Protein backbone atom coordinates (compact mmCIF):
# COMPACT_ATOMS: atom_id res chain seq x y z
CA UNK A 1 0.00 0.00 -0.22
CA UNK A 2 1.24 3.41 -0.93
CA UNK A 3 0.15 6.91 -0.23
CA UNK A 4 1.27 10.49 -0.44
CA UNK A 5 1.72 12.46 2.62
CA UNK A 6 2.61 16.36 1.62
CA UNK A 7 5.44 15.75 -0.64
CA UNK A 8 6.54 12.30 0.56
CA UNK A 9 5.69 8.69 -0.37
CA UNK A 10 4.43 6.31 2.36
CA UNK A 11 4.55 2.75 1.94
CA UNK A 12 3.62 -0.64 3.66
CA UNK A 13 5.55 -3.65 2.57
CA UNK A 14 5.65 -7.23 3.81
CA UNK A 15 9.30 -7.75 3.25
CA UNK A 16 12.83 -8.20 4.97
CA UNK A 17 14.15 -4.87 6.08
CA UNK A 18 17.65 -6.10 5.69
CA UNK A 19 17.14 -6.23 1.87
CA UNK A 20 15.73 -2.53 1.52
CA UNK A 21 17.56 -0.27 -0.84
CA UNK A 22 16.58 2.91 0.94
CA UNK A 23 19.13 5.39 2.60
CA UNK A 24 18.62 4.07 6.08
CA UNK A 25 16.87 1.20 7.60
CA UNK A 26 15.46 1.56 11.10
CA UNK A 27 17.14 -1.24 13.62
CA UNK A 28 14.45 -1.75 16.67
CA UNK A 29 17.63 -1.48 19.02
CA UNK A 30 17.86 -1.95 22.87
CA UNK A 31 19.48 0.83 25.11
CA UNK A 32 23.09 -0.99 25.08
CA UNK A 33 23.02 -0.83 21.24
CA UNK A 34 23.56 -4.86 21.64
CA UNK A 35 22.48 -6.45 18.34
CA UNK A 36 21.32 -9.97 19.47
CA UNK A 37 17.81 -11.43 18.48
CA UNK A 38 14.93 -10.08 16.30
CA UNK A 39 15.57 -7.35 13.80
CA UNK A 40 18.85 -5.95 15.34
CA UNK A 41 20.28 -9.76 15.04
CA UNK A 42 19.07 -10.13 11.32
CA UNK A 43 20.76 -6.59 10.45
CA UNK A 44 24.27 -7.56 12.23
CA UNK A 45 24.15 -10.86 10.33
CA UNK A 46 23.60 -9.70 7.01
CA UNK A 47 25.17 -6.26 7.56
CA UNK A 48 28.57 -7.95 9.30
CA UNK A 49 30.19 -7.02 12.49
CA UNK A 50 31.44 -3.35 11.41
CA UNK A 51 27.73 -2.18 12.64
CA UNK A 52 28.00 -3.88 16.01
CA UNK A 53 31.64 -2.23 16.45
CA UNK A 54 30.30 1.11 15.57
CA UNK A 55 27.23 0.54 17.95
CA UNK A 56 29.89 -0.34 20.62
CA UNK A 57 31.82 2.90 19.95
CA UNK A 58 28.75 5.04 20.70
CA UNK A 59 28.21 2.91 23.93
CA UNK A 60 24.49 3.21 24.92
CA UNK A 61 21.19 5.30 24.10
CA UNK A 62 18.31 5.99 26.21
CA UNK A 63 14.66 4.50 25.43
CA UNK A 64 12.88 7.01 22.88
CA UNK A 65 16.55 8.05 21.38
CA UNK A 66 18.08 7.29 18.27
CA UNK A 67 21.83 6.92 16.83
CA UNK A 68 23.19 6.22 13.51
CA UNK A 69 25.36 3.97 11.95
CA UNK A 70 26.78 3.03 8.64
CA UNK A 71 25.03 -0.24 7.15
CA UNK A 72 27.97 -2.07 6.39
CA UNK A 73 27.28 -4.91 4.01
CA UNK A 74 23.62 -3.94 3.72
CA UNK A 75 22.05 -2.01 0.59
CA UNK A 76 21.25 0.59 2.41
CA UNK A 77 23.95 3.37 3.56
CA UNK A 78 23.05 3.65 7.38
CA UNK A 79 21.28 1.97 9.92
CA UNK A 80 19.18 4.04 12.41
CA UNK A 81 19.18 2.47 16.02
CA UNK A 82 15.89 3.78 17.59
CA UNK A 83 15.12 2.23 21.25
CA UNK A 84 11.52 1.55 21.66
CA UNK A 85 10.22 0.79 24.76
CA UNK A 86 9.56 -2.84 26.61
CA UNK A 87 6.06 -3.09 27.60
CA UNK A 88 5.54 -2.86 31.51
CA UNK A 89 8.07 -0.16 31.87
CA UNK A 90 5.99 2.81 31.99
CA UNK A 91 5.00 5.52 29.59
CA UNK A 92 5.43 3.19 26.58
CA UNK A 93 3.41 5.30 24.17
CA UNK A 94 5.17 8.42 24.68
CA UNK A 95 8.38 6.24 24.52
CA UNK A 96 7.62 4.95 21.06
CA UNK A 97 6.38 8.08 19.54
CA UNK A 98 9.73 9.80 20.47
CA UNK A 99 11.60 6.68 19.10
CA UNK A 100 9.95 7.17 15.74
CA UNK A 101 10.16 10.88 15.58
CA UNK A 102 14.05 10.76 16.66
CA UNK A 103 14.47 8.34 13.67
CA UNK A 104 12.76 10.95 11.33
CA UNK A 105 14.49 13.89 12.64
CA UNK A 106 18.11 12.15 12.49
CA UNK A 107 17.47 11.19 9.01
CA UNK A 108 16.75 14.40 7.99
CA UNK A 109 19.80 15.82 9.81
CA UNK A 110 21.71 13.60 7.82
CA UNK A 111 20.01 14.76 4.63
CA UNK A 112 18.40 11.49 4.07
CA UNK A 113 15.90 10.95 1.23
CA UNK A 114 14.29 7.32 1.97
CA UNK A 115 13.97 5.61 5.22
CA UNK A 116 12.38 2.13 6.47
CA UNK A 117 10.94 1.25 9.60
CA UNK A 118 10.22 -1.97 11.35
CA UNK A 119 7.65 -2.29 13.65
CA UNK A 120 9.59 -1.04 17.06
CA UNK A 121 8.70 -2.99 19.88
CA UNK A 122 6.32 -4.93 18.60
CA UNK A 123 8.69 -8.63 18.91
CA UNK A 124 10.26 -9.44 21.98
CA UNK A 125 9.59 -6.11 23.94
CA UNK A 126 6.10 -7.21 23.81
CA UNK A 127 4.33 -3.99 22.50
CA UNK A 128 1.09 -4.51 21.11
CA UNK A 129 1.14 -4.36 17.27
CA UNK A 130 -2.23 -2.39 16.99
CA UNK A 131 -1.04 0.33 19.11
CA UNK A 132 2.23 0.21 17.57
CA UNK A 133 0.80 1.13 14.40
CA UNK A 134 -1.15 3.62 15.63
CA UNK A 135 1.86 5.60 17.31
CA UNK A 136 4.34 5.01 14.47
CA UNK A 137 1.86 5.99 11.69
CA UNK A 138 0.20 8.78 13.34
CA UNK A 139 3.55 10.18 14.37
CA UNK A 140 5.08 9.88 11.14
CA UNK A 141 2.21 11.46 9.30
CA UNK A 142 2.19 14.36 11.40
CA UNK A 143 6.02 14.72 11.07
CA UNK A 144 5.72 14.50 7.01
CA UNK A 145 2.93 17.22 7.52
CA UNK A 146 5.06 19.48 8.98
CA UNK A 147 6.05 22.74 7.74
CA UNK A 148 8.28 25.49 8.67
CA UNK A 149 5.68 28.65 9.29
CA UNK A 150 8.37 30.88 7.96
CA UNK A 151 8.91 29.65 4.79
CA UNK A 152 5.95 27.41 4.37
CA UNK A 153 7.85 24.76 3.17
CA UNK A 154 8.34 21.22 4.34
CA UNK A 155 10.50 20.64 7.38
CA UNK A 156 11.65 17.29 5.75
CA UNK A 157 13.70 16.31 3.16
CA UNK A 158 12.15 12.53 2.94
CA UNK A 159 10.99 11.76 -0.13
CA UNK A 160 10.04 8.18 0.97
CA UNK A 161 9.19 6.50 4.28
CA UNK A 162 8.62 2.93 4.09
CA UNK A 163 7.14 0.48 7.15
CA UNK A 164 9.01 -2.75 6.32
CA UNK A 165 6.51 -5.30 8.35
CA UNK A 166 7.25 -8.81 8.88
CA UNK A 167 4.58 -11.15 7.90
CA UNK A 168 0.83 -10.96 6.76
CA UNK A 169 -0.64 -10.27 9.92
CA UNK A 170 1.50 -7.27 10.81
CA UNK A 171 0.79 -5.86 7.36
CA UNK A 172 -2.69 -6.37 7.86
CA UNK A 173 -2.59 -4.39 11.03
CA UNK A 174 -0.61 -1.58 9.60
CA UNK A 175 -2.71 -1.18 6.40
CA UNK A 176 -5.95 -0.84 8.35
CA UNK A 177 -4.52 1.82 10.66
CA UNK A 178 -3.21 3.67 7.35
CA UNK A 179 -6.27 3.40 5.83
CA UNK A 180 -7.86 5.31 9.25
CA UNK A 181 -5.45 7.95 9.50
CA UNK A 182 -5.80 8.68 5.57
CA UNK A 183 -9.76 8.82 5.89
CA UNK A 184 -9.39 11.44 8.81
């Protein structure tokens, strides 16, 4: 599914994020930036140890924050490591919103035109996929619709934002939510 939001294409795919040919892919990271299992493990395996070594140099980051590294052997040029919340830690919705927003801002800071997100925190961190879709899509749409009031130009240089989802069920949840968002 593809929709246009301001001057940006927002697309949903049921695919492997490590195969995305975007400027950056987002890693659903932990705060220690250790790339063990899930999305992070797949990125490390396919992209190589260099990504993990860059993460170790950075050290750690807070829940809701994002940092950037190169992408090793991946098709993407960069990996944005966004730390989403674990269910039960408190203030999870706001933390997921911040992880999404900080990833988008980091992409713009580095003049990137295309970024691909997984469903952050919806795997081993236990965040409900429907809430994940609602928060991530709403945050992204609001960001893409943002304008600089002085120049009336879009605040973002992003031309494409992809939600690269794992499995038909996750895709269907994001598709339903995106339908709701664009109907508003």
